[in-house]
C-alpha atoms as a PDB file:
ATOM      1  CA  MET A   1     -21.511  32.583 -27.527  1.00  0.00           C
ATOM      2  CA  THR A   2     -20.510  32.303 -23.872  1.00  0.00           C
ATOM      3  CA  LEU A   3     -17.465  30.085 -24.037  1.00  0.00           C
ATOM      4  CA  PHE A   4     -17.895  28.389 -20.672  1.00  0.00           C
ATOM      5  CA  ASP A   5     -21.694  28.238 -20.637  1.00  0.00           C
ATOM      6  CA  LEU A   6     -23.018  24.737 -19.882  1.00  0.00           C
ATOM      7  CA  THR A   7     -26.690  25.657 -19.722  1.00  0.00           C
ATOM      8  CA  GLY A   8     -28.871  22.756 -20.814  1.00  0.00           C
ATOM      9  CA  LYS A   9     -26.032  20.223 -20.545  1.00  0.00           C
ATOM     10  CA  THR A  10     -26.064  17.211 -18.244  1.00  0.00           C
ATOM     11  CA  ALA A  11     -22.817  16.134 -16.611  1.00  0.00           C
ATOM     12  CA  ILE A  12     -22.026  12.948 -14.715  1.00  0.00           C
ATOM     13  CA  ILE A  13     -19.060  13.350 -12.388  1.00  0.00           C
ATOM     14  CA  THR A  14     -17.841  10.201 -10.660  1.00  0.00           C
ATOM     15  CA  GLY A  15     -16.115  10.461  -7.319  1.00  0.00           C
ATOM     16  CA  SER A  16     -17.791  13.815  -6.782  1.00  0.00           C
ATOM     17  CA  SER A  17     -18.774  13.673  -3.120  1.00  0.00           C
ATOM     18  CA  ARG A  18     -15.478  15.300  -2.102  1.00  0.00           C
ATOM     19  CA  GLY A  19     -12.190  16.723  -3.326  1.00  0.00           C
ATOM     20  CA  ILE A  20     -11.571  17.415  -6.987  1.00  0.00           C
ATOM     21  CA  GLY A  21     -14.787  15.740  -8.090  1.00  0.00           C
ATOM     22  CA  ARG A  22     -16.921  17.859  -5.797  1.00  0.00           C
ATOM     23  CA  ALA A  23     -15.192  21.047  -6.926  1.00  0.00           C
ATOM     24  CA  ILE A  24     -15.836  20.135 -10.567  1.00  0.00           C
ATOM     25  CA  ALA A  25     -19.484  19.331  -9.884  1.00  0.00           C
ATOM     26  CA  GLU A  26     -19.963  22.657  -8.145  1.00  0.00           C
ATOM     27  CA  GLY A  27     -18.126  24.504 -10.911  1.00  0.00           C
ATOM     28  CA  MET A  28     -20.149  22.923 -13.690  1.00  0.00           C
ATOM     29  CA  ALA A  29     -23.405  23.592 -11.846  1.00  0.00           C
ATOM     30  CA  ALA A  30     -22.387  27.235 -11.463  1.00  0.00           C
ATOM     31  CA  CYS A  31     -21.928  27.368 -15.249  1.00  0.00           C
ATOM     32  CA  GLY A  32     -25.460  26.066 -15.821  1.00  0.00           C
ATOM     33  CA  ALA A  33     -25.019  22.306 -16.095  1.00  0.00           C
ATOM     34  CA  ARG A  34     -27.363  19.790 -14.539  1.00  0.00           C
ATOM     35  CA  VAL A  35     -24.920  17.697 -12.554  1.00  0.00           C
ATOM     36  CA  VAL A  36     -25.101  14.143 -11.285  1.00  0.00           C
ATOM     37  CA  VAL A  37     -23.129  13.736  -8.093  1.00  0.00           C
ATOM     38  CA  SER A  38     -21.904  10.179  -7.765  1.00  0.00           C
ATOM     39  CA  SER A  39     -19.717   8.170  -5.434  1.00  0.00           C
ATOM     40  CA  ARG A  40     -20.118   5.016  -3.372  1.00  0.00           C
ATOM     41  CA  LYS A  41     -21.745   6.638  -0.327  1.00  0.00           C
ATOM     42  CA  ALA A  42     -25.323   7.831  -0.806  1.00  0.00           C
ATOM     43  CA  GLU A  43     -25.305  10.239   2.137  1.00  0.00           C
ATOM     44  CA  ALA A  44     -22.168  11.990   0.925  1.00  0.00           C
ATOM     45  CA  CYS A  45     -23.641  12.380  -2.570  1.00  0.00           C
ATOM     46  CA  ALA A  46     -26.880  13.767  -1.152  1.00  0.00           C
ATOM     47  CA  GLU A  47     -25.023  16.371   0.895  1.00  0.00           C
ATOM     48  CA  VAL A  48     -23.155  17.710  -2.139  1.00  0.00           C
ATOM     49  CA  ALA A  49     -26.223  17.707  -4.396  1.00  0.00           C
ATOM     50  CA  SER A  50     -28.246  19.501  -1.726  1.00  0.00           C
ATOM     51  CA  ALA A  51     -25.565  22.164  -1.334  1.00  0.00           C
ATOM     52  CA  ILE A  52     -25.563  22.749  -5.098  1.00  0.00           C
ATOM     53  CA  ARG A  53     -29.355  23.083  -5.172  1.00  0.00           C
ATOM     54  CA  GLN A  54     -29.276  25.519  -2.248  1.00  0.00           C
ATOM     55  CA  ARG A  55     -27.025  27.750  -4.352  1.00  0.00           C
ATOM     56  CA  GLY A  56     -29.520  27.676  -7.212  1.00  0.00           C
ATOM     57  CA  GLY A  57     -27.972  24.896  -9.263  1.00  0.00           C
ATOM     58  CA  THR A  58     -29.518  21.705 -10.573  1.00  0.00           C
ATOM     59  CA  ALA A  59     -28.166  18.468  -9.159  1.00  0.00           C
ATOM     60  CA  ALA A  60     -29.130  14.880  -8.511  1.00  0.00           C
ATOM     61  CA  GLU A  61     -27.353  12.276  -6.440  1.00  0.00           C
ATOM     62  CA  ILE A  62     -26.919   8.774  -7.887  1.00  0.00           C
ATOM     63  CA  PRO A  63     -24.578   6.580  -5.824  1.00  0.00           C
ATOM     64  CA  CYS A  64     -22.390   4.200  -7.795  1.00  0.00           C
ATOM     65  CA  HIS A  65     -19.461   1.874  -7.184  1.00  0.00           C
ATOM     66  CA  ILE A  66     -17.553   2.257 -10.439  1.00  0.00           C
ATOM     67  CA  GLY A  67     -16.089  -1.219 -10.143  1.00  0.00           C
ATOM     68  CA  ASP A  68     -19.554  -2.749 -10.491  1.00  0.00           C
ATOM     69  CA  ALA A  69     -20.762  -2.985 -14.102  1.00  0.00           C
ATOM     70  CA  ALA A  70     -24.415  -3.164 -13.072  1.00  0.00           C
ATOM     71  CA  GLN A  71     -24.090  -0.008 -10.981  1.00  0.00           C
ATOM     72  CA  LEU A  72     -22.454   1.819 -13.886  1.00  0.00           C
ATOM     73  CA  ALA A  73     -25.400   0.886 -16.100  1.00  0.00           C
ATOM     74  CA  THR A  74     -27.807   2.098 -13.423  1.00  0.00           C
ATOM     75  CA  LEU A  75     -25.901   5.375 -13.097  1.00  0.00           C
ATOM     76  CA  VAL A  76     -26.392   6.017 -16.809  1.00  0.00           C
ATOM     77  CA  SER A  77     -30.022   4.875 -16.981  1.00  0.00           C
ATOM     78  CA  GLU A  78     -31.008   6.873 -13.884  1.00  0.00           C
ATOM     79  CA  THR A  79     -29.319   9.970 -15.274  1.00  0.00           C
ATOM     80  CA  ARG A  80     -31.263   9.625 -18.506  1.00  0.00           C
ATOM     81  CA  ALA A  81     -34.499   9.107 -16.571  1.00  0.00           C
ATOM     82  CA  ARG A  82     -33.970  12.343 -14.637  1.00  0.00           C
ATOM     83  CA  PHE A  83     -32.335  14.580 -17.235  1.00  0.00           C
ATOM     84  CA  ASP A  84     -33.034  12.903 -20.616  1.00  0.00           C
ATOM     85  CA  SER A  85     -29.512  13.068 -22.005  1.00  0.00           C
ATOM     86  CA  ILE A  86     -25.857  12.879 -21.003  1.00  0.00           C
ATOM     87  CA  ASP A  87     -23.620  15.511 -22.554  1.00  0.00           C
ATOM     88  CA  ILE A  88     -20.542  15.460 -20.324  1.00  0.00           C
ATOM     89  CA  LEU A  89     -18.814  12.639 -18.492  1.00  0.00           C
ATOM     90  CA  VAL A  90     -16.068  13.296 -15.963  1.00  0.00           C
ATOM     91  CA  CYS A  91     -14.318  10.105 -14.854  1.00  0.00           C
ATOM     92  CA  ASN A  92     -12.791  11.242 -11.599  1.00  0.00           C
ATOM     93  CA  ALA A  93     -13.193   8.289  -9.225  1.00  0.00           C
ATOM     94  CA  GLY A  94     -10.147   6.141  -8.626  1.00  0.00           C
ATOM     95  CA  ILE A  95      -8.186   4.215  -6.032  1.00  0.00           C
ATOM     96  CA  ASN A  96      -4.614   3.862  -4.842  1.00  0.00           C
ATOM     97  CA  PRO A  97      -4.477   1.108  -2.218  1.00  0.00           C
ATOM     98  CA  TYR A  98      -0.774   0.342  -2.625  1.00  0.00           C
ATOM     99  CA  TYR A  99       2.406   2.292  -1.923  1.00  0.00           C
ATOM    100  CA  GLY A 100       5.726   0.523  -2.301  1.00  0.00           C
ATOM    101  CA  PRO A 101       8.043  -1.240  -4.752  1.00  0.00           C
ATOM    102  CA  LEU A 102       6.275  -2.079  -7.977  1.00  0.00           C
ATOM    103  CA  THR A 103       7.616  -5.633  -8.074  1.00  0.00           C
ATOM    104  CA  ASP A 104       6.129  -6.363  -4.636  1.00  0.00           C
ATOM    105  CA  ILE A 105       2.515  -5.590  -5.506  1.00  0.00           C
ATOM    106  CA  LYS A 106       0.160  -8.557  -5.296  1.00  0.00           C
ATOM    107  CA  ASP A 107      -1.623  -9.613  -8.479  1.00  0.00           C
ATOM    108  CA  ASP A 108      -5.108  -9.069  -7.101  1.00  0.00           C
ATOM    109  CA  THR A 109      -4.239  -5.542  -5.949  1.00  0.00           C
ATOM    110  CA  PHE A 110      -2.748  -4.636  -9.317  1.00  0.00           C
ATOM    111  CA  ASP A 111      -5.733  -6.113 -11.128  1.00  0.00           C
ATOM    112  CA  ARG A 112      -8.164  -4.180  -8.920  1.00  0.00           C
ATOM    113  CA  MET A 113      -6.324  -0.939  -9.573  1.00  0.00           C
ATOM    114  CA  MET A 114      -6.382  -1.468 -13.328  1.00  0.00           C
ATOM    115  CA  ALA A 115     -10.041  -2.447 -13.238  1.00  0.00           C
ATOM    116  CA  THR A 116     -11.085   0.547 -11.150  1.00  0.00           C
ATOM    117  CA  ASN A 117      -8.838   3.251 -12.570  1.00  0.00           C
ATOM    118  CA  VAL A 118      -8.908   2.247 -16.238  1.00  0.00           C
ATOM    119  CA  ARG A 119     -11.447  -0.391 -17.224  1.00  0.00           C
ATOM    120  CA  SER A 120     -14.324   1.291 -15.394  1.00  0.00           C
ATOM    121  CA  ASN A 121     -13.618   4.513 -17.318  1.00  0.00           C
ATOM    122  CA  LEU A 122     -13.733   2.618 -20.601  1.00  0.00           C
ATOM    123  CA  ARG A 123     -16.916   0.820 -19.593  1.00  0.00           C
ATOM    124  CA  LEU A 124     -18.658   4.018 -18.512  1.00  0.00           C
ATOM    125  CA  ALA A 125     -17.552   5.872 -21.617  1.00  0.00           C
ATOM    126  CA  GLY A 126     -18.939   3.032 -23.710  1.00  0.00           C
ATOM    127  CA  LEU A 127     -22.337   3.530 -22.117  1.00  0.00           C
ATOM    128  CA  VAL A 128     -22.590   7.217 -23.032  1.00  0.00           C
ATOM    129  CA  LEU A 129     -20.674   7.495 -26.311  1.00  0.00           C
ATOM    130  CA  PRO A 130     -23.438   6.145 -28.608  1.00  0.00           C
ATOM    131  CA  GLU A 131     -25.969   8.795 -27.565  1.00  0.00           C
ATOM    132  CA  MET A 132     -23.323  11.502 -27.850  1.00  0.00           C
ATOM    133  CA  ALA A 133     -22.600  10.267 -31.357  1.00  0.00           C
ATOM    134  CA  GLU A 134     -26.286  10.480 -32.266  1.00  0.00           C
ATOM    135  CA  ARG A 135     -26.324  14.154 -31.239  1.00  0.00           C
ATOM    136  CA  ARG A 136     -22.863  14.750 -32.702  1.00  0.00           C
ATOM    137  CA  ASP A 137     -21.822  16.436 -29.481  1.00  0.00           C
ATOM    138  CA  GLY A 138     -20.202  15.297 -26.270  1.00  0.00           C
ATOM    139  CA  ALA A 139     -17.208  15.669 -23.989  1.00  0.00           C
ATOM    140  CA  ILE A 140     -15.442  13.168 -21.763  1.00  0.00           C
ATOM    141  CA  VAL A 141     -12.809  14.179 -19.231  1.00  0.00           C
ATOM    142  CA  ILE A 142     -10.689  11.516 -17.522  1.00  0.00           C
ATOM    143  CA  MET A 143      -8.783  12.393 -14.369  1.00  0.00           C
ATOM    144  CA  SER A 144      -5.215  11.184 -14.664  1.00  0.00           C
ATOM    145  CA  SER A 145      -2.160  12.333 -12.673  1.00  0.00           C
ATOM    146  CA  ILE A 146       1.349  13.620 -13.205  1.00  0.00           C
ATOM    147  CA  ALA A 147       2.342  10.196 -11.911  1.00  0.00           C
ATOM    148  CA  GLY A 148       1.448   9.049 -15.406  1.00  0.00           C
ATOM    149  CA  VAL A 149       4.049  11.301 -17.036  1.00  0.00           C
ATOM    150  CA  ARG A 150       6.960  11.055 -14.607  1.00  0.00           C
ATOM    151  CA  ALA A 151       8.403   8.391 -12.332  1.00  0.00           C
ATOM    152  CA  SER A 152       7.132   8.508  -8.750  1.00  0.00           C
ATOM    153  CA  SER A 153       8.844   6.395  -6.113  1.00  0.00           C
ATOM    154  CA  GLY A 154       6.381   4.092  -4.390  1.00  0.00           C
ATOM    155  CA  LEU A 155       3.577   4.990  -6.771  1.00  0.00           C
ATOM    156  CA  GLY A 156       4.570   2.807  -9.701  1.00  0.00           C
ATOM    157  CA  ALA A 157       1.340   0.829  -9.925  1.00  0.00           C
ATOM    158  CA  TYR A 158      -0.811   3.945  -9.627  1.00  0.00           C
ATOM    159  CA  ALA A 159       1.363   5.626 -12.252  1.00  0.00           C
ATOM    160  CA  ILE A 160       0.753   2.762 -14.674  1.00  0.00           C
ATOM    161  CA  THR A 161      -3.007   3.156 -14.343  1.00  0.00           C
ATOM    162  CA  LYS A 162      -2.791   6.904 -14.869  1.00  0.00           C
ATOM    163  CA  ALA A 163      -0.580   6.561 -17.932  1.00  0.00           C
ATOM    164  CA  ALA A 164      -3.127   4.059 -19.233  1.00  0.00           C
ATOM    165  CA  ASP A 165      -5.883   6.640 -18.731  1.00  0.00           C
ATOM    166  CA  MET A 166      -4.000   9.044 -20.992  1.00  0.00           C
ATOM    167  CA  ALA A 167      -3.702   6.342 -23.636  1.00  0.00           C
ATOM    168  CA  LEU A 168      -7.392   5.562 -23.217  1.00  0.00           C
ATOM    169  CA  ALA A 169      -8.314   9.202 -23.816  1.00  0.00           C
ATOM    170  CA  ARG A 170      -6.176   9.346 -26.958  1.00  0.00           C
ATOM    171  CA  ALA A 171      -7.660   6.125 -28.344  1.00  0.00           C
ATOM    172  CA  LEU A 172     -11.260   7.181 -27.688  1.00  0.00           C
ATOM    173  CA  ALA A 173     -10.581  10.655 -29.074  1.00  0.00           C
ATOM    174  CA  LEU A 174      -9.305   9.133 -32.296  1.00  0.00           C
ATOM    175  CA  GLU A 175     -12.150   6.656 -32.644  1.00  0.00           C
ATOM    176  CA  TRP A 176     -15.004   9.014 -31.784  1.00  0.00           C
ATOM    177  CA  GLY A 177     -13.753  12.356 -33.090  1.00  0.00           C
ATOM    178  CA  LYS A 178     -15.659  11.831 -36.335  1.00  0.00           C
ATOM    179  CA  HIS A 179     -18.829  12.145 -34.246  1.00  0.00           C
ATOM    180  CA  ASN A 180     -17.720  15.491 -32.794  1.00  0.00           C
ATOM    181  CA  ILE A 181     -16.945  13.926 -29.412  1.00  0.00           C
ATOM    182  CA  ARG A 182     -13.941  15.179 -27.491  1.00  0.00           C
ATOM    183  CA  VAL A 183     -12.030  13.040 -24.980  1.00  0.00           C
ATOM    184  CA  ASN A 184      -9.250  14.500 -22.857  1.00  0.00           C
ATOM    185  CA  CYS A 185      -7.338  14.021 -19.604  1.00  0.00           C
ATOM    186  CA  ILE A 186      -6.393  16.239 -16.705  1.00  0.00           C
ATOM    187  CA  ALA A 187      -3.204  15.340 -14.826  1.00  0.00           C
ATOM    188  CA  PRO A 188      -2.990  17.072 -11.451  1.00  0.00           C
ATOM    189  CA  GLY A 189       0.029  17.113  -9.207  1.00  0.00           C
ATOM    190  CA  ILE A 190      -0.418  16.981  -5.444  1.00  0.00           C
ATOM    191  CA  ILE A 191      -3.817  18.453  -4.614  1.00  0.00           C
ATOM    192  CA  LYS A 192      -4.908  19.074  -1.039  1.00  0.00           C
ATOM    193  CA  THR A 193      -7.587  16.396  -0.847  1.00  0.00           C
ATOM    194  CA  ASP A 194      -8.279  13.449   1.420  1.00  0.00           C
ATOM    195  CA  PHE A 195      -7.138  11.157  -1.409  1.00  0.00           C
ATOM    196  CA  ALA A 196      -3.648  12.681  -1.362  1.00  0.00           C
ATOM    197  CA  ARG A 197      -3.509  13.303   2.387  1.00  0.00           C
ATOM    198  CA  ALA A 198      -0.622  10.875   2.946  1.00  0.00           C
ATOM    199  CA  LEU A 199       1.490  12.976   0.579  1.00  0.00           C
ATOM    200  CA  TRP A 200       0.777  16.493   1.775  1.00  0.00           C
ATOM    201  CA  GLU A 201       0.764  15.557   5.462  1.00  0.00           C
ATOM    202  CA  ASP A 202       4.279  14.119   5.122  1.00  0.00           C
ATOM    203  CA  GLU A 203       6.196  17.273   6.078  1.00  0.00           C
ATOM    204  CA  ALA A 204       9.525  16.190   4.587  1.00  0.00           C
ATOM    205  CA  LEU A 205       7.923  15.165   1.312  1.00  0.00           C
ATOM    206  CA  LEU A 206       5.835  18.334   1.225  1.00  0.00           C
ATOM    207  CA  GLN A 207       8.859  20.575   1.702  1.00  0.00           C
ATOM    208  CA  ARG A 208      10.736  18.797  -1.086  1.00  0.00           C
ATOM    209  CA  ARG A 209       7.749  19.216  -3.370  1.00  0.00           C
ATOM    210  CA  LEU A 210       7.341  22.884  -2.530  1.00  0.00           C
ATOM    211  CA  ALA A 211      11.034  23.498  -3.211  1.00  0.00           C
ATOM    212  CA  ALA A 212      10.620  21.913  -6.648  1.00  0.00           C
ATOM    213  CA  THR A 213       7.391  23.762  -7.507  1.00  0.00           C
ATOM    214  CA  PRO A 214       7.839  27.049  -9.383  1.00  0.00           C
ATOM    215  CA  LEU A 215       4.534  28.410  -8.051  1.00  0.00           C
ATOM    216  CA  GLY A 216       5.597  27.503  -4.517  1.00  0.00           C
ATOM    217  CA  ARG A 217       2.495  25.659  -3.329  1.00  0.00           C
ATOM    218  CA  ILE A 218       0.529  22.465  -3.806  1.00  0.00           C
ATOM    219  CA  GLY A 219      -2.856  22.677  -5.472  1.00  0.00           C
ATOM    220  CA  ASP A 220      -6.368  23.060  -4.152  1.00  0.00           C
ATOM    221  CA  PRO A 221      -9.350  21.238  -5.713  1.00  0.00           C
ATOM    222  CA  GLU A 222     -10.572  24.531  -7.179  1.00  0.00           C
ATOM    223  CA  ASP A 223      -7.340  24.774  -9.195  1.00  0.00           C
ATOM    224  CA  VAL A 224      -8.529  21.866 -11.350  1.00  0.00           C
ATOM    225  CA  VAL A 225     -12.007  23.199 -12.084  1.00  0.00           C
ATOM    226  CA  GLY A 226     -11.035  25.656 -14.828  1.00  0.00           C
ATOM    227  CA  ALA A 227      -9.446  22.954 -16.968  1.00  0.00           C
ATOM    228  CA  ALA A 228     -12.487  20.713 -16.550  1.00  0.00           C
ATOM    229  CA  LEU A 229     -14.772  23.552 -17.616  1.00  0.00           C
ATOM    230  CA  LEU A 230     -12.551  24.286 -20.610  1.00  0.00           C
ATOM    231  CA  LEU A 231     -12.592  20.687 -21.788  1.00  0.00           C
ATOM    232  CA  ALA A 232     -16.348  20.268 -21.275  1.00  0.00           C
ATOM    233  CA  SER A 233     -17.512  23.571 -22.761  1.00  0.00           C
ATOM    234  CA  PRO A 234     -17.523  25.342 -26.135  1.00  0.00           C
ATOM    235  CA  ALA A 235     -14.249  26.972 -25.075  1.00  0.00           C
ATOM    236  CA  GLY A 236     -12.514  23.645 -25.671  1.00  0.00           C
ATOM    237  CA  ARG A 237     -14.378  22.586 -28.784  1.00  0.00           C
ATOM    238  CA  HIS A 238     -11.159  22.007 -30.787  1.00  0.00           C
ATOM    239  CA  ILE A 239      -9.224  20.172 -28.064  1.00  0.00           C
ATOM    240  CA  THR A 240      -9.217  16.388 -28.049  1.00  0.00           C
ATOM    241  CA  GLY A 241      -6.873  13.556 -27.154  1.00  0.00           C
ATOM    242  CA  GLN A 242      -4.820  15.819 -24.906  1.00  0.00           C
ATOM    243  CA  THR A 243      -3.642  15.852 -21.299  1.00  0.00           C
ATOM    244  CA  ILE A 244      -3.604  19.120 -19.370  1.00  0.00           C
ATOM    245  CA  VAL A 245      -1.090  19.079 -16.522  1.00  0.00           C
ATOM    246  CA  ILE A 246      -2.007  21.075 -13.415  1.00  0.00           C
ATOM    247  CA  ASP A 247       0.935  20.853 -11.044  1.00  0.00           C
ATOM    248  CA  GLY A 248       2.253  24.337 -10.263  1.00  0.00           C
ATOM    249  CA  GLY A 249       5.145  23.661 -12.625  1.00  0.00           C
ATOM    250  CA  VAL A 250       6.616  20.570 -10.961  1.00  0.00           C
ATOM    251  CA  THR A 251       7.041  18.660 -14.203  1.00  0.00           C
ATOM    252  CA  ILE A 252       9.062  21.492 -15.792  1.00  0.00           C
ATOM    253  CA  SER A 253      11.280  21.992 -12.778  1.00  0.00           C
ATOM    254  CA  GLY A 254      14.799  20.663 -12.597  1.00  0.00           C
END
């Protein structure tokens, strides 16, 4: 058995037109998976899928706004139409439109963050879990954040959604483990992506973070790929309900 071989598996990766999601899509394709590249912008999805195909991988682009229930259903049905089955789901898409004191956040902003970062993951998982249960095989990976395990000034609302994602993974892992379905989280620290640009472009904040990071650097998207492959492949077949932290050691630093 090749532990990280994903040949014959189909993986949906949301938010995969850039950053961590793109790196995971490319990594899974390199390990043999048929990947569905998905984000809101069709052109961005097409560019990533085309690049994967040019390298010999198998990829399709299916745009989807994860906050729209109808588009989530279409994402799943179109994936089945193209690749028959769905074996792996990576819930990577998310938003963080608010930075500031938690008590100042407006209700509609908080509700939108919870709906996008948590409820959409539950809804999408619910669309693929039954077929995984029928095959008695499947893996779901939810992208969380170290904000969900430690206090982060100004990021309180985002942190709540990411802690909720960890709880969601544990609950689904418990409920669906009897069907040989694994559900886990990845919690990155600061990764050099457009999503986190405001953090790593803040020189004072960056220097404080580097000083508190045992490995002495922030992460790159490729640093997250190995954990995603582990959790989606036979290598992680006995791991479920867990959160893997990828932060260069920040959370263990004094």
